[in-house]
C-alpha atoms as a PDB file:
ATOM      1  CA  MET A   1     -29.858  13.728  18.322  1.00  0.00           C
ATOM      2  CA  GLU A   2     -33.479  13.956  17.169  1.00  0.00           C
ATOM      3  CA  MET A   3     -36.626  12.739  18.950  1.00  0.00           C
ATOM      4  CA  LEU A   4     -38.929  10.719  16.691  1.00  0.00           C
ATOM      5  CA  LYS A   5     -42.647  10.041  16.848  1.00  0.00           C
ATOM      6  CA  ARG A   6     -43.546   6.388  17.420  1.00  0.00           C
ATOM      7  CA  GLU A   7     -46.152   4.464  15.479  1.00  0.00           C
ATOM      8  CA  MET A   8     -48.906   2.905  17.580  1.00  0.00           C
ATOM      9  CA  PRO A   9     -47.986  -0.757  18.299  1.00  0.00           C
ATOM     10  CA  GLU A  10     -50.565  -3.560  18.372  1.00  0.00           C
ATOM     11  CA  THR A  11     -49.439  -4.797  21.792  1.00  0.00           C
ATOM     12  CA  ILE A  12     -47.329  -3.534  24.690  1.00  0.00           C
ATOM     13  CA  TYR A  13     -45.760  -5.154  27.762  1.00  0.00           C
ATOM     14  CA  PHE A  14     -46.415  -3.790  31.275  1.00  0.00           C
ATOM     15  CA  ASP A  15     -47.237  -5.073  34.775  1.00  0.00           C
ATOM     16  CA  CYS A  16     -50.657  -6.700  35.208  1.00  0.00           C
ATOM     17  CA  PRO A  17     -51.900  -6.482  38.852  1.00  0.00           C
ATOM     18  CA  ASP A  18     -54.015  -9.648  38.482  1.00  0.00           C
ATOM     19  CA  CYS A  19     -51.177 -11.732  37.013  1.00  0.00           C
ATOM     20  CA  ASP A  20     -48.642 -10.049  39.341  1.00  0.00           C
ATOM     21  CA  GLU A  21     -46.044  -9.931  36.558  1.00  0.00           C
ATOM     22  CA  GLU A  22     -45.232  -8.167  33.306  1.00  0.00           C
ATOM     23  CA  THR A  23     -47.480  -9.487  30.533  1.00  0.00           C
ATOM     24  CA  GLU A  24     -48.370  -8.667  26.948  1.00  0.00           C
ATOM     25  CA  HIS A  25     -51.397  -6.391  26.563  1.00  0.00           C
ATOM     26  CA  GLU A  26     -53.481  -5.855  23.437  1.00  0.00           C
ATOM     27  CA  ILE A  27     -54.171  -2.184  22.736  1.00  0.00           C
ATOM     28  CA  LEU A  28     -57.951  -2.001  22.189  1.00  0.00           C
ATOM     29  CA  LYS A  29     -57.862   1.748  21.621  1.00  0.00           C
ATOM     30  CA  GLY A  30     -55.298   4.366  22.423  1.00  0.00           C
ATOM     31  CA  ARG A  31     -53.620   7.667  21.760  1.00  0.00           C
ATOM     32  CA  MET A  32     -49.878   7.953  21.320  1.00  0.00           C
ATOM     33  CA  GLY A  33     -48.135  10.692  23.265  1.00  0.00           C
ATOM     34  CA  LYS A  34     -44.503  11.729  23.163  1.00  0.00           C
ATOM     35  CA  ALA A  35     -43.454   9.283  25.882  1.00  0.00           C
ATOM     36  CA  SER A  36     -46.674   7.448  26.750  1.00  0.00           C
ATOM     37  CA  ILE A  37     -49.732   5.617  25.439  1.00  0.00           C
ATOM     38  CA  GLU A  38     -53.122   6.579  26.871  1.00  0.00           C
ATOM     39  CA  GLY A  39     -55.744   3.964  26.127  1.00  0.00           C
ATOM     40  CA  THR A  40     -57.660   0.792  26.903  1.00  0.00           C
ATOM     41  CA  PHE A  41     -55.677  -2.435  27.221  1.00  0.00           C
ATOM     42  CA  ARG A  42     -56.491  -6.144  27.555  1.00  0.00           C
ATOM     43  CA  CYS A  43     -54.088  -8.571  29.217  1.00  0.00           C
ATOM     44  CA  THR A  44     -53.520 -11.518  26.865  1.00  0.00           C
ATOM     45  CA  VAL A  45     -53.007 -13.856  29.855  1.00  0.00           C
ATOM     46  CA  CYS A  46     -55.935 -13.137  32.209  1.00  0.00           C
ATOM     47  CA  ASN A  47     -58.098 -10.970  29.874  1.00  0.00           C
ATOM     48  CA  ARG A  48     -58.238  -8.109  32.400  1.00  0.00           C
ATOM     49  CA  VAL A  49     -59.290  -4.858  30.681  1.00  0.00           C
ATOM     50  CA  SER A  50     -58.079  -1.511  32.000  1.00  0.00           C
ATOM     51  CA  SER A  51     -57.879   2.121  30.923  1.00  0.00           C
ATOM     52  CA  GLU A  52     -54.647   3.869  31.882  1.00  0.00           C
ATOM     53  CA  THR A  53     -51.601   5.774  30.703  1.00  0.00           C
ATOM     54  CA  ILE A  54     -48.481   3.687  30.100  1.00  0.00           C
ATOM     55  CA  LYS A  55     -45.087   5.356  29.938  1.00  0.00           C
ATOM     56  CA  ILE A  56     -42.819   4.307  27.075  1.00  0.00           C
ATOM     57  CA  PRO A  57     -39.257   5.341  26.171  1.00  0.00           C
ATOM     58  CA  GLU A  58     -38.844   7.969  23.487  1.00  0.00           C
ATOM     59  CA  LEU A  59     -37.245   7.132  20.151  1.00  0.00           C
ATOM     60  CA  ILE A  60     -33.995   8.947  19.380  1.00  0.00           C
ATOM     61  CA  GLU A  61     -32.323   9.190  15.973  1.00  0.00           C
ATOM     62  CA  VAL A  62     -28.525   9.544  16.163  1.00  0.00           C
ATOM     63  CA  PRO A  63     -25.779   9.892  13.515  1.00  0.00           C
ATOM     64  CA  VAL A  64     -23.660   6.813  12.805  1.00  0.00           C
ATOM     65  CA  VAL A  65     -20.233   6.661  11.155  1.00  0.00           C
ATOM     66  CA  PHE A  66     -19.978   3.230   9.508  1.00  0.00           C
ATOM     67  CA  SER A  67     -16.604   1.699   8.571  1.00  0.00           C
ATOM     68  CA  ASP A  68     -15.894  -1.368   6.459  1.00  0.00           C
ATOM     69  CA  GLY A  69     -12.146  -1.614   5.968  1.00  0.00           C
ATOM     70  CA  GLU A  70     -11.007   1.568   4.219  1.00  0.00           C
ATOM     71  CA  VAL A  71     -14.571   2.561   3.276  1.00  0.00           C
ATOM     72  CA  SER A  72     -16.531   4.884   5.596  1.00  0.00           C
ATOM     73  CA  GLU A  73     -19.969   6.447   5.323  1.00  0.00           C
ATOM     74  CA  THR A  74     -22.364   8.409   7.519  1.00  0.00           C
ATOM     75  CA  THR A  75     -25.890   7.168   8.204  1.00  0.00           C
ATOM     76  CA  ARG A  76     -28.392   7.261  11.097  1.00  0.00           C
ATOM     77  CA  THR A  77     -29.990   4.757  13.449  1.00  0.00           C
ATOM     78  CA  THR A  78     -32.846   4.757  15.965  1.00  0.00           C
ATOM     79  CA  ILE A  79     -32.422   3.893  19.654  1.00  0.00           C
ATOM     80  CA  GLU A  80     -34.705   4.128  22.700  1.00  0.00           C
ATOM     81  CA  SER A  81     -34.084   6.885  25.245  1.00  0.00           C
ATOM     82  CA  ASN A  82     -33.630   4.447  28.155  1.00  0.00           C
ATOM     83  CA  ASP A  83     -31.083   2.244  26.324  1.00  0.00           C
ATOM     84  CA  ILE A  84     -27.568   1.934  27.724  1.00  0.00           C
ATOM     85  CA  ILE A  85     -25.139   2.139  24.786  1.00  0.00           C
ATOM     86  CA  GLN A  86     -21.626   0.743  25.147  1.00  0.00           C
ATOM     87  CA  GLU A  87     -18.631  -0.156  23.018  1.00  0.00           C
ATOM     88  CA  GLU A  88     -18.820  -3.652  21.454  1.00  0.00           C
ATOM     89  CA  ASP A  89     -22.645  -3.527  21.396  1.00  0.00           C
ATOM     90  CA  GLU A  90     -23.979  -5.244  18.270  1.00  0.00           C
ATOM     91  CA  PHE A  91     -27.041  -4.112  16.330  1.00  0.00           C
ATOM     92  CA  PHE A  92     -28.491  -3.949  12.822  1.00  0.00           C
ATOM     93  CA  LEU A  93     -28.720  -0.802  10.729  1.00  0.00           C
ATOM     94  CA  ASP A  94     -32.028  -0.110   8.981  1.00  0.00           C
ATOM     95  CA  ASP A  95     -30.678  -1.648   5.764  1.00  0.00           C
ATOM     96  CA  GLY A  96     -29.882  -4.931   7.559  1.00  0.00           C
ATOM     97  CA  ARG A  97     -26.118  -4.551   7.955  1.00  0.00           C
ATOM     98  CA  ARG A  98     -24.813  -6.005  11.202  1.00  0.00           C
ATOM     99  CA  VAL A  99     -22.456  -3.637  13.032  1.00  0.00           C
ATOM    100  CA  CYS A 100     -20.493  -3.322  16.272  1.00  0.00           C
ATOM    101  CA  VAL A 101     -19.972  -0.087  18.244  1.00  0.00           C
ATOM    102  CA  THR A 102     -16.296   0.950  18.346  1.00  0.00           C
ATOM    103  CA  HIS A 103     -16.542   4.467  19.823  1.00  0.00           C
ATOM    104  CA  ILE A 104     -19.143   6.806  21.320  1.00  0.00           C
ATOM    105  CA  ASP A 105     -19.151  10.601  20.995  1.00  0.00           C
ATOM    106  CA  THR A 106     -21.135  12.050  23.908  1.00  0.00           C
ATOM    107  CA  LEU A 107     -23.060  15.300  24.320  1.00  0.00           C
ATOM    108  CA  ASP A 108     -21.274  16.055  27.595  1.00  0.00           C
ATOM    109  CA  GLY A 109     -17.895  15.621  25.893  1.00  0.00           C
ATOM    110  CA  LYS A 110     -16.645  12.976  28.326  1.00  0.00           C
ATOM    111  CA  LEU A 111     -14.625   9.983  27.133  1.00  0.00           C
ATOM    112  CA  THR A 112     -16.598   6.872  28.029  1.00  0.00           C
ATOM    113  CA  LYS A 113     -17.218   3.317  26.870  1.00  0.00           C
ATOM    114  CA  LYS A 114     -20.817   3.305  28.133  1.00  0.00           C
ATOM    115  CA  THR A 115     -23.536   5.952  28.360  1.00  0.00           C
ATOM    116  CA  LEU A 116     -27.297   6.525  28.353  1.00  0.00           C
ATOM    117  CA  ALA A 117     -28.840   6.899  24.902  1.00  0.00           C
ATOM    118  CA  THR A 118     -29.884  10.502  25.610  1.00  0.00           C
ATOM    119  CA  ASN A 119     -26.190  11.419  26.002  1.00  0.00           C
ATOM    120  CA  VAL A 120     -25.146   9.986  22.614  1.00  0.00           C
ATOM    121  CA  LYS A 121     -23.960  12.563  20.084  1.00  0.00           C
ATOM    122  CA  LYS A 122     -22.614  10.131  17.474  1.00  0.00           C
ATOM    123  CA  LEU A 123     -21.862   6.400  17.197  1.00  0.00           C
ATOM    124  CA  TRP A 124     -18.841   4.956  15.397  1.00  0.00           C
ATOM    125  CA  VAL A 125     -19.398   1.405  14.176  1.00  0.00           C
ATOM    126  CA  LYS A 126     -17.704  -1.240  12.048  1.00  0.00           C
ATOM    127  CA  GLN A 127     -19.010  -4.006   9.808  1.00  0.00           C
ATOM    128  CA  PHE A 128     -19.605  -7.119  11.906  1.00  0.00           C
ATOM    129  CA  ASP A 129     -20.946  -9.710   9.441  1.00  0.00           C
ATOM    130  CA  ILE A 130     -17.640 -11.446   8.721  1.00  0.00           C
ATOM    131  CA  LEU A 131     -14.673 -11.320  11.101  1.00  0.00           C
ATOM    132  CA  SER A 132     -11.035 -11.883  10.162  1.00  0.00           C
ATOM    133  CA  ILE A 133      -9.415 -13.763  13.056  1.00  0.00           C
ATOM    134  CA  LYS A 134      -5.647 -13.943  13.521  1.00  0.00           C
ATOM    135  CA  VAL A 135      -4.162 -17.449  13.706  1.00  0.00           C
ATOM    136  CA  SER A 136      -0.579 -18.255  14.801  1.00  0.00           C
ATOM    137  CA  VAL A 137       0.515 -21.728  13.660  1.00  0.00           C
ATOM    138  CA  ASN A 138       3.701 -23.220  15.130  1.00  0.00           C
ATOM    139  CA  ASP A 139       5.893 -25.691  13.223  1.00  0.00           C
ATOM    140  CA  ASP A 140       8.579 -26.323  15.877  1.00  0.00           C
ATOM    141  CA  ASP A 141      11.233 -23.855  14.697  1.00  0.00           C
ATOM    142  CA  ARG A 142       8.894 -21.444  12.916  1.00  0.00           C
ATOM    143  CA  THR A 143       5.550 -19.715  13.476  1.00  0.00           C
ATOM    144  CA  TYR A 144       3.252 -18.690  10.631  1.00  0.00           C
ATOM    145  CA  SER A 145       0.707 -15.863  10.808  1.00  0.00           C
ATOM    146  CA  LEU A 146      -2.569 -16.469   8.986  1.00  0.00           C
ATOM    147  CA  ARG A 147      -6.209 -15.441   9.193  1.00  0.00           C
ATOM    148  CA  VAL A 148      -9.496 -17.300   9.148  1.00  0.00           C
ATOM    149  CA  GLU A 149     -12.883 -15.751   8.356  1.00  0.00           C
ATOM    150  CA  ALA A 150     -15.871 -16.426  10.584  1.00  0.00           C
ATOM    151  CA  GLU A 151     -19.270 -15.064  11.504  1.00  0.00           C
ATOM    152  CA  PRO A 152     -19.571 -13.535  15.013  1.00  0.00           C
ATOM    153  CA  ASP A 153     -21.593 -16.506  16.329  1.00  0.00           C
ATOM    154  CA  ASP A 154     -19.176 -19.158  15.006  1.00  0.00           C
ATOM    155  CA  GLU A 155     -17.466 -21.213  17.701  1.00  0.00           C
ATOM    156  CA  PHE A 156     -13.875 -22.462  17.844  1.00  0.00           C
ATOM    157  CA  VAL A 157     -12.947 -25.377  20.117  1.00  0.00           C
ATOM    158  CA  VAL A 158      -9.537 -26.139  21.605  1.00  0.00           C
ATOM    159  CA  GLY A 159      -8.368 -29.532  20.325  1.00  0.00           C
ATOM    160  CA  THR A 160     -10.145 -29.338  16.976  1.00  0.00           C
ATOM    161  CA  GLN A 161      -8.604 -28.909  13.542  1.00  0.00           C
ATOM    162  CA  LEU A 162      -8.356 -25.868  11.288  1.00  0.00           C
ATOM    163  CA  SER A 163      -7.633 -26.400   7.593  1.00  0.00           C
ATOM    164  CA  PHE A 164      -5.617 -24.009   5.432  1.00  0.00           C
ATOM    165  CA  GLU A 165      -4.440 -24.224   1.847  1.00  0.00           C
ATOM    166  CA  ASP A 166      -0.963 -25.490   2.749  1.00  0.00           C
ATOM    167  CA  PHE A 167      -1.579 -27.461   5.938  1.00  0.00           C
ATOM    168  CA  ASP A 168      -3.943 -28.414   8.734  1.00  0.00           C
ATOM    169  CA  CYS A 169      -3.367 -27.349  12.327  1.00  0.00           C
ATOM    170  CA  LEU A 170      -4.635 -28.389  15.737  1.00  0.00           C
ATOM    171  CA  ILE A 171      -5.944 -25.585  17.968  1.00  0.00           C
ATOM    172  CA  HIS A 172      -3.866 -25.495  21.179  1.00  0.00           C
ATOM    173  CA  ALA A 173      -5.265 -22.323  22.758  1.00  0.00           C
ATOM    174  CA  ILE A 174      -7.546 -19.381  22.040  1.00  0.00           C
ATOM    175  CA  LYS A 175      -6.809 -15.856  23.222  1.00  0.00           C
ATOM    176  CA  THR A 176     -10.006 -13.889  23.848  1.00  0.00           C
ATOM    177  CA  LYS A 177     -10.608 -10.304  24.944  1.00  0.00           C
ATOM    178  CA  HIS A 178     -10.839 -11.522  28.535  1.00  0.00           C
ATOM    179  CA  SER A 179      -8.696 -14.648  28.990  1.00  0.00           C
ATOM    180  CA  LEU A 180      -6.594 -17.422  27.475  1.00  0.00           C
ATOM    181  CA  VAL A 181      -8.745 -20.484  26.759  1.00  0.00           C
ATOM    182  CA  LYS A 182      -6.785 -23.760  26.965  1.00  0.00           C
ATOM    183  CA  LYS A 183      -9.845 -25.991  27.236  1.00  0.00           C
ATOM    184  CA  GLY A 184     -13.304 -25.451  25.850  1.00  0.00           C
ATOM    185  CA  VAL A 185     -14.851 -23.122  23.307  1.00  0.00           C
ATOM    186  CA  ALA A 186     -14.896 -19.443  22.339  1.00  0.00           C
ATOM    187  CA  GLU A 187     -17.142 -17.438  20.020  1.00  0.00           C
ATOM    188  CA  ALA A 188     -15.527 -15.647  17.097  1.00  0.00           C
ATOM    189  CA  ARG A 189     -16.755 -12.238  18.356  1.00  0.00           C
ATOM    190  CA  ASP A 190     -14.594 -12.630  21.490  1.00  0.00           C
ATOM    191  CA  ILE A 191     -11.411 -14.016  19.899  1.00  0.00           C
ATOM    192  CA  THR A 192      -8.274 -11.924  19.380  1.00  0.00           C
ATOM    193  CA  ARG A 193      -5.986 -14.779  18.259  1.00  0.00           C
ATOM    194  CA  ILE A 194      -5.997 -18.568  17.800  1.00  0.00           C
ATOM    195  CA  TYR A 195      -2.838 -20.594  18.500  1.00  0.00           C
ATOM    196  CA  GLY A 196      -2.246 -23.902  16.724  1.00  0.00           C
ATOM    197  CA  LYS A 197       0.395 -26.464  15.785  1.00  0.00           C
ATOM    198  CA  ILE A 198       0.861 -27.955  12.324  1.00  0.00           C
ATOM    199  CA  ARG A 199      -0.708 -31.376  12.233  1.00  0.00           C
ATOM    200  CA  LYS A 200      -0.356 -32.371   8.606  1.00  0.00           C
ATOM    201  CA  LYS A 201       1.803 -30.532   6.088  1.00  0.00           C
ATOM    202  CA  ARG A 202       0.545 -31.051   2.530  1.00  0.00           C
ATOM    203  CA  TYR A 203       3.720 -29.685   0.900  1.00  0.00           C
ATOM    204  CA  GLU A 204       6.523 -27.230   1.639  1.00  0.00           C
ATOM    205  CA  VAL A 205       5.023 -24.000   2.914  1.00  0.00           C
ATOM    206  CA  LEU A 206       6.022 -20.991   0.813  1.00  0.00           C
ATOM    207  CA  ASP A 207       5.377 -17.241   0.907  1.00  0.00           C
ATOM    208  CA  LEU A 208       3.739 -17.148   4.313  1.00  0.00           C
ATOM    209  CA  GLU A 209       4.469 -14.212   6.556  1.00  0.00           C
ATOM    210  CA  GLU A 210       6.395 -15.189   9.661  1.00  0.00           C
ATOM    211  CA  ASP A 211       4.610 -14.239  12.858  1.00  0.00           C
ATOM    212  CA  ASP A 212       6.571 -11.718  14.900  1.00  0.00           C
ATOM    213  CA  GLU A 213       4.370 -12.121  17.984  1.00  0.00           C
ATOM    214  CA  GLU A 214       6.150 -14.192  20.582  1.00  0.00           C
ATOM    215  CA  LEU A 215       4.174 -16.926  22.265  1.00  0.00           C
ATOM    216  CA  ASP A 216       4.173 -15.573  25.801  1.00  0.00           C
ATOM    217  CA  PHE A 217       2.566 -18.491  27.556  1.00  0.00           C
ATOM    218  CA  ASP A 218       3.273 -22.131  28.328  1.00  0.00           C
ATOM    219  CA  PHE A 219       0.641 -24.581  27.143  1.00  0.00           C
ATOM    220  CA  ASP A 220       1.702 -27.012  29.886  1.00  0.00           C
ATOM    221  CA  ASP A 221       0.795 -24.570  32.676  1.00  0.00           C
ATOM    222  CA  GLU A 222      -2.214 -25.548  34.702  1.00  0.00           C
END
């Protein structure tokens, strides 16, 4: 973990006593400290001008182990000292790659899924631009296991159709990290498996792996 020196921003947000809320302030002149800015500020809402010292979080550079399938590499990223870092957090690396936190190594050595940025020793992340979502498609006496690619923000709706090379299927339910969705919508980032039923077979399905996961729920349950 390495503390970095910040560049002076053009504006900063802090509480304005005249507006009685946090507002954006223009920095008219100032001096950057390690964890503060000492200077003259103008509120962009009420135009109040004041000279004071404003505390700001420090910037911390931490090592990152990035994984994309079988490929791994080590890089670094910058976080603020007051950030709470937890597994499944999403952020962008400096080169623009979108990633998701999978594990956190801490300075105190404790196993945890959430910690303050100052306790982060190393972050383990995975590529999070395109997700490969498991889909189980039932055809009465047989269930096929397939995958569909999606971006994290993509939404899947129960009752809508998914199209594959050999057939279409109707989504019956969506299993997320937290619940089983039988009505409504789920974002791709939260989905662990989609369940569907063949709606229209284009031709005899060949060379598809049979799904060995049993369907452990009843769609007719309320």
